[in-house]
Protein backbone atom coordinates (compact mmCIF):
# COMPACT_ATOMS: atom_id res chain seq x y z
CA MET A 1 -19.47 -56.29 -44.93
CA PHE A 2 -18.89 -56.97 -48.59
CA THR A 3 -15.71 -58.42 -50.09
CA ILE A 4 -15.02 -57.53 -53.73
CA PRO A 5 -12.40 -59.78 -55.39
CA TRP A 6 -11.15 -58.16 -58.59
CA VAL A 7 -8.21 -58.09 -60.99
CA ALA A 8 -6.87 -55.36 -63.23
CA SER A 9 -6.70 -56.20 -66.93
CA THR A 10 -3.34 -54.50 -67.40
CA ALA A 11 -2.65 -52.01 -64.60
CA THR A 12 -0.29 -52.52 -61.65
CA SER A 13 -0.53 -48.99 -60.26
CA GLY A 14 -3.10 -46.30 -59.52
CA GLN A 15 -6.38 -46.80 -57.69
CA SER A 16 -9.95 -47.78 -58.45
CA ARG A 17 -12.96 -46.52 -56.52
CA LEU A 18 -15.38 -49.38 -55.80
CA GLU A 19 -18.82 -48.67 -54.33
CA ILE A 20 -21.90 -50.58 -53.16
CA ALA A 21 -25.40 -49.39 -52.29
CA ILE A 22 -28.25 -51.32 -50.66
CA ARG A 23 -32.00 -50.69 -50.89
CA ALA A 24 -34.24 -52.91 -48.76
CA ILE A 25 -37.54 -54.10 -50.23
CA PRO A 26 -39.91 -54.62 -47.28
CA ASP A 27 -43.12 -56.58 -47.84
CA ASP A 28 -45.98 -54.46 -49.21
CA ALA A 29 -44.13 -51.17 -48.65
CA GLU A 30 -41.71 -50.44 -51.52
CA ASP A 31 -42.64 -49.63 -55.13
CA ILE A 32 -39.78 -51.17 -57.10
CA ASP A 33 -41.11 -49.67 -60.36
CA ALA A 34 -40.47 -46.12 -59.09
CA ALA A 35 -37.17 -44.26 -59.38
CA HIS A 36 -35.06 -44.27 -56.22
CA THR A 37 -31.82 -42.71 -55.08
CA TYR A 38 -28.98 -44.79 -53.67
CA ASP A 39 -26.35 -43.87 -51.10
CA TYR A 40 -23.07 -45.64 -51.82
CA ASN A 41 -20.35 -46.74 -49.41
CA GLY A 42 -16.99 -47.18 -51.03
CA VAL A 43 -13.33 -48.05 -50.88
CA SER A 44 -10.38 -46.92 -52.97
CA ASP A 45 -8.13 -49.87 -53.79
CA THR A 46 -4.86 -50.40 -55.63
CA PRO A 47 -4.38 -53.26 -58.09
CA ALA A 48 -2.18 -56.22 -57.23
CA SER A 49 1.53 -56.09 -58.04
CA LEU A 50 1.04 -58.17 -61.22
CA SER A 51 -1.77 -57.90 -63.75
CA GLY A 52 -4.22 -60.76 -63.28
CA GLU A 53 -3.54 -61.19 -59.54
CA LEU A 54 -6.42 -60.73 -57.12
CA SER A 55 -7.12 -57.87 -54.76
CA TYR A 56 -9.71 -58.29 -51.96
CA PRO A 57 -10.99 -54.91 -50.71
CA THR A 58 -13.93 -54.76 -48.29
CA ILE A 59 -16.74 -52.27 -47.78
CA ALA A 60 -18.43 -52.08 -44.37
CA PHE A 61 -22.03 -51.04 -43.72
CA THR A 62 -23.78 -49.89 -40.56
CA ASP A 63 -27.27 -51.22 -39.89
CA GLY A 64 -29.87 -48.52 -40.47
CA ALA A 65 -29.20 -45.72 -42.93
CA ASP A 66 -26.12 -47.36 -44.50
CA MET A 67 -28.05 -50.43 -45.53
CA ASP A 68 -31.60 -49.07 -45.57
CA SER A 69 -32.46 -51.19 -42.48
CA TRP A 70 -32.21 -54.41 -44.50
CA ALA A 71 -33.71 -57.21 -42.37
CA ASP A 72 -32.87 -60.92 -42.31
CA GLY A 73 -34.88 -62.80 -44.96
CA GLN A 74 -35.90 -59.61 -46.77
CA MET A 75 -35.31 -58.94 -50.46
CA ALA A 76 -33.02 -56.05 -51.39
CA ILE A 77 -31.38 -54.41 -54.37
CA VAL A 78 -27.58 -54.39 -54.07
CA ARG A 79 -25.79 -52.16 -56.58
CA PHE A 80 -22.08 -52.23 -57.38
CA ARG A 81 -20.14 -49.68 -59.39
CA ARG A 82 -16.67 -48.45 -60.17
CA ASP A 83 -16.85 -44.67 -59.79
CA GLY A 84 -14.53 -43.45 -62.54
CA THR A 85 -15.31 -39.81 -61.72
CA HIS A 86 -14.10 -40.11 -58.09
CA VAL A 87 -10.87 -38.24 -57.30
CA ASP A 88 -9.24 -41.52 -56.15
CA ASP A 89 -10.01 -43.44 -59.36
CA ASN A 90 -6.92 -43.03 -61.54
CA MET A 91 -6.14 -46.61 -62.55
CA ALA A 92 -5.75 -47.07 -66.31
CA GLY A 93 -7.55 -49.91 -68.02
CA ASP A 94 -10.35 -52.22 -67.02
CA LEU A 95 -11.29 -53.65 -63.66
CA GLU A 96 -12.47 -57.26 -63.84
CA LEU A 97 -15.00 -58.02 -61.10
CA LEU A 98 -15.04 -61.70 -60.09
CA THR A 99 -17.83 -61.71 -57.52
CA VAL A 100 -19.32 -59.77 -54.62
CA SER A 101 -19.87 -61.59 -51.33
CA GLY A 102 -21.51 -60.23 -48.21
CA VAL A 103 -21.55 -61.35 -44.61
CA GLU A 104 -23.09 -59.95 -41.46
CA THR A 105 -20.49 -58.80 -38.96
């Protein structure tokens, strides 16, 4: 599960669509120079009631297809994006990402 603390620059209404994708890099099996596709898991989140206050949405992943069978101690590429073309993303202004933290659940 990933937690995504963020603040809105100016907005106090609407929603933002936040998404994360994971691609495992197993030893001697993945060409990281080649183009790859990514499957994103996401959450639609509303900004805090005041601009500059934090919101803490989470995105869950299921071992296997959701996280490309990422194993303990293995390298991986973790991608984050705000999907501004998603039907739920209607928040005006910028989203300020503070960090992304992940834990196994």
